C-alpha atoms as a PDB file:
ATOM      1  CA  UNK A   1      31.629  27.775   4.424  1.00  0.00           C
ATOM      2  CA  UNK A   2      29.069  26.527   6.907  1.00  0.00           C
ATOM      3  CA  UNK A   3      26.221  24.557   5.256  1.00  0.00           C
ATOM      4  CA  UNK A   4      22.595  25.611   5.590  1.00  0.00           C
ATOM      5  CA  UNK A   5      20.390  23.339   7.704  1.00  0.00           C
ATOM      6  CA  UNK A   6      18.919  21.801   4.548  1.00  0.00           C
ATOM      7  CA  UNK A   7      22.398  21.104   3.144  1.00  0.00           C
ATOM      8  CA  UNK A   8      23.495  19.653   6.474  1.00  0.00           C
ATOM      9  CA  UNK A   9      20.568  17.245   6.794  1.00  0.00           C
ATOM     10  CA  UNK A  10      20.792  16.239   3.125  1.00  0.00           C
ATOM     11  CA  UNK A  11      24.437  15.333   3.695  1.00  0.00           C
ATOM     12  CA  UNK A  12      23.311  13.111   6.572  1.00  0.00           C
ATOM     13  CA  UNK A  13      20.763  11.485   4.221  1.00  0.00           C
ATOM     14  CA  UNK A  14      23.721  10.438   2.051  1.00  0.00           C
ATOM     15  CA  UNK A  15      25.408   8.832   5.061  1.00  0.00           C
ATOM     16  CA  UNK A  16      22.209   7.020   6.115  1.00  0.00           C
ATOM     17  CA  UNK A  17      21.858   5.684   2.538  1.00  0.00           C
ATOM     18  CA  UNK A  18      25.191   3.855   2.909  1.00  0.00           C
ATOM     19  CA  UNK A  19      23.330   1.345   5.145  1.00  0.00           C
ATOM     20  CA  UNK A  20      20.967   0.394   2.276  1.00  0.00           C
ATOM     21  CA  UNK A  21      20.912  -3.333   1.541  1.00  0.00           C
ATOM     22  CA  UNK A  22      19.611  -3.044  -2.037  1.00  0.00           C
ATOM     23  CA  UNK A  23      22.172  -1.636  -4.445  1.00  0.00           C
ATOM     24  CA  UNK A  24      19.446  -0.326  -6.780  1.00  0.00           C
ATOM     25  CA  UNK A  25      18.575   3.247  -5.969  1.00  0.00           C
ATOM     26  CA  UNK A  26      20.306   3.348  -2.593  1.00  0.00           C
ATOM     27  CA  UNK A  27      18.483   6.014  -0.673  1.00  0.00           C
ATOM     28  CA  UNK A  28      18.114   7.374   2.813  1.00  0.00           C
ATOM     29  CA  UNK A  29      15.735   9.543   4.794  1.00  0.00           C
ATOM     30  CA  UNK A  30      16.179  11.707   7.870  1.00  0.00           C
ATOM     31  CA  UNK A  31      13.246  13.165   9.822  1.00  0.00           C
ATOM     32  CA  UNK A  32      13.921  16.335  11.784  1.00  0.00           C
ATOM     33  CA  UNK A  33      12.040  18.448  14.312  1.00  0.00           C
ATOM     34  CA  UNK A  34      13.447  21.837  15.331  1.00  0.00           C
ATOM     35  CA  UNK A  35      16.876  20.974  13.881  1.00  0.00           C
ATOM     36  CA  UNK A  36      17.050  17.686  15.827  1.00  0.00           C
ATOM     37  CA  UNK A  37      16.975  14.243  14.228  1.00  0.00           C
ATOM     38  CA  UNK A  38      13.888  12.230  15.191  1.00  0.00           C
ATOM     39  CA  UNK A  39      14.546   9.103  13.113  1.00  0.00           C
ATOM     40  CA  UNK A  40      16.220   7.790   9.977  1.00  0.00           C
ATOM     41  CA  UNK A  41      15.493   5.151   7.366  1.00  0.00           C
ATOM     42  CA  UNK A  42      17.180   3.498   4.409  1.00  0.00           C
ATOM     43  CA  UNK A  43      16.219   1.078   1.660  1.00  0.00           C
ATOM     44  CA  UNK A  44      16.190  -2.433   3.072  1.00  0.00           C
ATOM     45  CA  UNK A  45      14.161  -5.545   3.693  1.00  0.00           C
ATOM     46  CA  UNK A  46      11.813  -5.798   6.668  1.00  0.00           C
ATOM     47  CA  UNK A  47      13.474  -6.909   9.904  1.00  0.00           C
ATOM     48  CA  UNK A  48      14.348 -10.595   9.930  1.00  0.00           C
ATOM     49  CA  UNK A  49      13.874 -11.056   6.186  1.00  0.00           C
ATOM     50  CA  UNK A  50      16.692 -11.665   3.686  1.00  0.00           C
ATOM     51  CA  UNK A  51      18.322  -8.654   2.062  1.00  0.00           C
ATOM     52  CA  UNK A  52      19.095  -8.117  -1.619  1.00  0.00           C
ATOM     53  CA  UNK A  53      22.801  -8.009  -0.899  1.00  0.00           C
ATOM     54  CA  UNK A  54      22.457 -11.521   0.596  1.00  0.00           C
ATOM     55  CA  UNK A  55      20.009 -13.301  -1.756  1.00  0.00           C
ATOM     56  CA  UNK A  56      19.564 -11.013  -4.766  1.00  0.00           C
ATOM     57  CA  UNK A  57      16.783  -8.792  -5.990  1.00  0.00           C
ATOM     58  CA  UNK A  58      13.079  -9.634  -6.300  1.00  0.00           C
ATOM     59  CA  UNK A  59      12.362  -7.654  -9.468  1.00  0.00           C
ATOM     60  CA  UNK A  60       8.886  -7.032 -10.859  1.00  0.00           C
ATOM     61  CA  UNK A  61       8.087  -5.250 -14.113  1.00  0.00           C
ATOM     62  CA  UNK A  62       5.875  -2.178 -13.874  1.00  0.00           C
ATOM     63  CA  UNK A  63       4.333  -0.468 -16.887  1.00  0.00           C
ATOM     64  CA  UNK A  64       3.926   3.310 -16.587  1.00  0.00           C
ATOM     65  CA  UNK A  65       0.907   5.112 -18.048  1.00  0.00           C
ATOM     66  CA  UNK A  66       3.023   6.156 -21.028  1.00  0.00           C
ATOM     67  CA  UNK A  67       3.952   2.506 -21.739  1.00  0.00           C
ATOM     68  CA  UNK A  68       7.464   2.710 -20.279  1.00  0.00           C
ATOM     69  CA  UNK A  69       8.448  -0.616 -18.706  1.00  0.00           C
ATOM     70  CA  UNK A  70      10.475  -0.331 -15.498  1.00  0.00           C
ATOM     71  CA  UNK A  71      11.735  -2.814 -12.962  1.00  0.00           C
ATOM     72  CA  UNK A  72      11.162  -2.418  -9.244  1.00  0.00           C
ATOM     73  CA  UNK A  73      12.735  -4.484  -6.503  1.00  0.00           C
ATOM     74  CA  UNK A  74       9.912  -5.511  -4.178  1.00  0.00           C
ATOM     75  CA  UNK A  75      12.131  -7.182  -1.571  1.00  0.00           C
ATOM     76  CA  UNK A  76      12.792  -3.860   0.117  1.00  0.00           C
ATOM     77  CA  UNK A  77      10.981  -1.059   1.903  1.00  0.00           C
ATOM     78  CA  UNK A  78      11.702   2.501   0.782  1.00  0.00           C
ATOM     79  CA  UNK A  79      13.808   4.755   3.000  1.00  0.00           C
ATOM     80  CA  UNK A  80      10.843   7.041   3.718  1.00  0.00           C
ATOM     81  CA  UNK A  81       8.722   4.063   4.785  1.00  0.00           C
ATOM     82  CA  UNK A  82      11.488   2.752   7.039  1.00  0.00           C
ATOM     83  CA  UNK A  83      11.862   6.154   8.727  1.00  0.00           C
ATOM     84  CA  UNK A  84       8.100   6.303   9.393  1.00  0.00           C
ATOM     85  CA  UNK A  85       8.157   2.706  10.680  1.00  0.00           C
ATOM     86  CA  UNK A  86      11.022   3.509  13.054  1.00  0.00           C
ATOM     87  CA  UNK A  87       9.103   6.482  14.437  1.00  0.00           C
ATOM     88  CA  UNK A  88       5.994   4.326  14.969  1.00  0.00           C
ATOM     89  CA  UNK A  89       8.006   1.516  16.538  1.00  0.00           C
ATOM     90  CA  UNK A  90       9.492   3.844  19.137  1.00  0.00           C
ATOM     91  CA  UNK A  91       6.453   6.066  19.691  1.00  0.00           C
ATOM     92  CA  UNK A  92       7.865   9.187  18.066  1.00  0.00           C
ATOM     93  CA  UNK A  93       5.209  11.568  16.690  1.00  0.00           C
ATOM     94  CA  UNK A  94       6.006  13.030  13.271  1.00  0.00           C
ATOM     95  CA  UNK A  95       3.494  15.890  13.296  1.00  0.00           C
ATOM     96  CA  UNK A  96       5.187  19.104  12.138  1.00  0.00           C
ATOM     97  CA  UNK A  97       8.506  17.501  11.164  1.00  0.00           C
ATOM     98  CA  UNK A  98      10.625  17.815   8.025  1.00  0.00           C
ATOM     99  CA  UNK A  99      11.675  14.736   6.070  1.00  0.00           C
ATOM    100  CA  UNK A 100      14.889  14.917   4.054  1.00  0.00           C
ATOM    101  CA  UNK A 101      15.298  12.199   1.422  1.00  0.00           C
ATOM    102  CA  UNK A 102      17.586  11.133  -1.395  1.00  0.00           C
ATOM    103  CA  UNK A 103      14.823  11.094  -3.981  1.00  0.00           C
ATOM    104  CA  UNK A 104      11.324  12.416  -4.422  1.00  0.00           C
ATOM    105  CA  UNK A 105       9.014  10.033  -2.553  1.00  0.00           C
ATOM    106  CA  UNK A 106       6.982   7.549  -4.601  1.00  0.00           C
ATOM    107  CA  UNK A 107       3.183   7.635  -4.574  1.00  0.00           C
ATOM    108  CA  UNK A 108       2.851   5.261  -1.601  1.00  0.00           C
ATOM    109  CA  UNK A 109       5.505   7.089   0.415  1.00  0.00           C
ATOM    110  CA  UNK A 110       3.828  10.436  -0.365  1.00  0.00           C
ATOM    111  CA  UNK A 111       0.509   9.102   0.965  1.00  0.00           C
ATOM    112  CA  UNK A 112       2.202   7.834   4.133  1.00  0.00           C
ATOM    113  CA  UNK A 113       3.967  11.173   4.597  1.00  0.00           C
ATOM    114  CA  UNK A 114       0.656  13.017   4.195  1.00  0.00           C
ATOM    115  CA  UNK A 115      -0.979  10.706   6.743  1.00  0.00           C
ATOM    116  CA  UNK A 116       1.697  11.131   9.405  1.00  0.00           C
ATOM    117  CA  UNK A 117       1.521  14.912   9.632  1.00  0.00           C
ATOM    118  CA  UNK A 118       5.015  15.552   8.285  1.00  0.00           C
ATOM    119  CA  UNK A 119       4.803  19.191   7.197  1.00  0.00           C
ATOM    120  CA  UNK A 120       7.778  19.517   4.842  1.00  0.00           C
ATOM    121  CA  UNK A 121       9.734  17.249   2.488  1.00  0.00           C
ATOM    122  CA  UNK A 122      13.113  18.143   0.988  1.00  0.00           C
ATOM    123  CA  UNK A 123      14.401  15.745  -1.676  1.00  0.00           C
ATOM    124  CA  UNK A 124      17.798  15.880  -3.348  1.00  0.00           C
ATOM    125  CA  UNK A 125      16.567  14.651  -6.771  1.00  0.00           C
ATOM    126  CA  UNK A 126      13.441  13.502  -8.576  1.00  0.00           C
ATOM    127  CA  UNK A 127      12.365   9.840  -8.628  1.00  0.00           C
ATOM    128  CA  UNK A 128      11.379   8.212 -11.918  1.00  0.00           C
ATOM    129  CA  UNK A 129       8.145   6.956 -10.326  1.00  0.00           C
ATOM    130  CA  UNK A 130       7.284  10.122  -8.419  1.00  0.00           C
ATOM    131  CA  UNK A 131       4.749  11.572 -10.867  1.00  0.00           C
ATOM    132  CA  UNK A 132       1.836  11.780  -8.407  1.00  0.00           C
ATOM    133  CA  UNK A 133       3.925  12.950  -5.474  1.00  0.00           C
ATOM    134  CA  UNK A 134       3.706  16.757  -5.886  1.00  0.00           C
ATOM    135  CA  UNK A 135      -0.095  16.611  -6.202  1.00  0.00           C
ATOM    136  CA  UNK A 136      -0.516  14.308  -3.191  1.00  0.00           C
ATOM    137  CA  UNK A 137       1.741  16.370  -0.945  1.00  0.00           C
ATOM    138  CA  UNK A 138       0.166  19.660  -2.058  1.00  0.00           C
ATOM    139  CA  UNK A 139      -3.323  18.272  -1.395  1.00  0.00           C
ATOM    140  CA  UNK A 140      -2.229  17.404   2.143  1.00  0.00           C
ATOM    141  CA  UNK A 141      -0.629  20.824   2.711  1.00  0.00           C
ATOM    142  CA  UNK A 142       2.894  19.392   2.827  1.00  0.00           C
ATOM    143  CA  UNK A 143       5.577  21.802   1.639  1.00  0.00           C
ATOM    144  CA  UNK A 144       7.721  20.041  -0.994  1.00  0.00           C
ATOM    145  CA  UNK A 145      11.118  21.039  -2.363  1.00  0.00           C
ATOM    146  CA  UNK A 146      13.481  19.358  -4.787  1.00  0.00           C
ATOM    147  CA  UNK A 147      17.057  20.601  -4.598  1.00  0.00           C
ATOM    148  CA  UNK A 148      18.334  19.241  -7.941  1.00  0.00           C
ATOM    149  CA  UNK A 149      15.622  19.128 -10.605  1.00  0.00           C
ATOM    150  CA  UNK A 150      16.955  15.960 -12.270  1.00  0.00           C
ATOM    151  CA  UNK A 151      15.747  12.369 -12.117  1.00  0.00           C
ATOM    152  CA  UNK A 152      17.985  10.107 -10.042  1.00  0.00           C
ATOM    153  CA  UNK A 153      19.320   7.362 -12.285  1.00  0.00           C
ATOM    154  CA  UNK A 154      20.593   3.957 -11.231  1.00  0.00           C
ATOM    155  CA  UNK A 155      21.372   0.571 -12.813  1.00  0.00           C
ATOM    156  CA  UNK A 156      18.459  -1.610 -13.816  1.00  0.00           C
ATOM    157  CA  UNK A 157      15.941   1.198 -13.536  1.00  0.00           C
END
């Protein structure tokens, strides 16, 4: 059976995520306009800086509002951020595009998405630190869909 456009682009997100250089929460993002790929991004360090798979993680503890302690690797840039950076680097406007991503964007990614004019976000699963995301995207008029209503789990979360 032929996949829907959303299924098709989400499958490409999985392929993009294979380039991730941090093995925690490997994720990818694909930005599309009129069924054409504009740019992609994956979890990785900024250009020219060492990657987790070369030098290890740079983990910081974060305490959620409910007291839950989580670890975040701060060596890397999220897939959504990298996709937006690639668009900016090559002069590609994102107004009116759809972003497909492995996980629900975090708070910072949601704010960047809202600021770029992306009009729709489709995420495969929820992100453990995505609590503010639906509110931020809704406030900006960004359509937001989660395909599988489960939190993505990974080692060392």
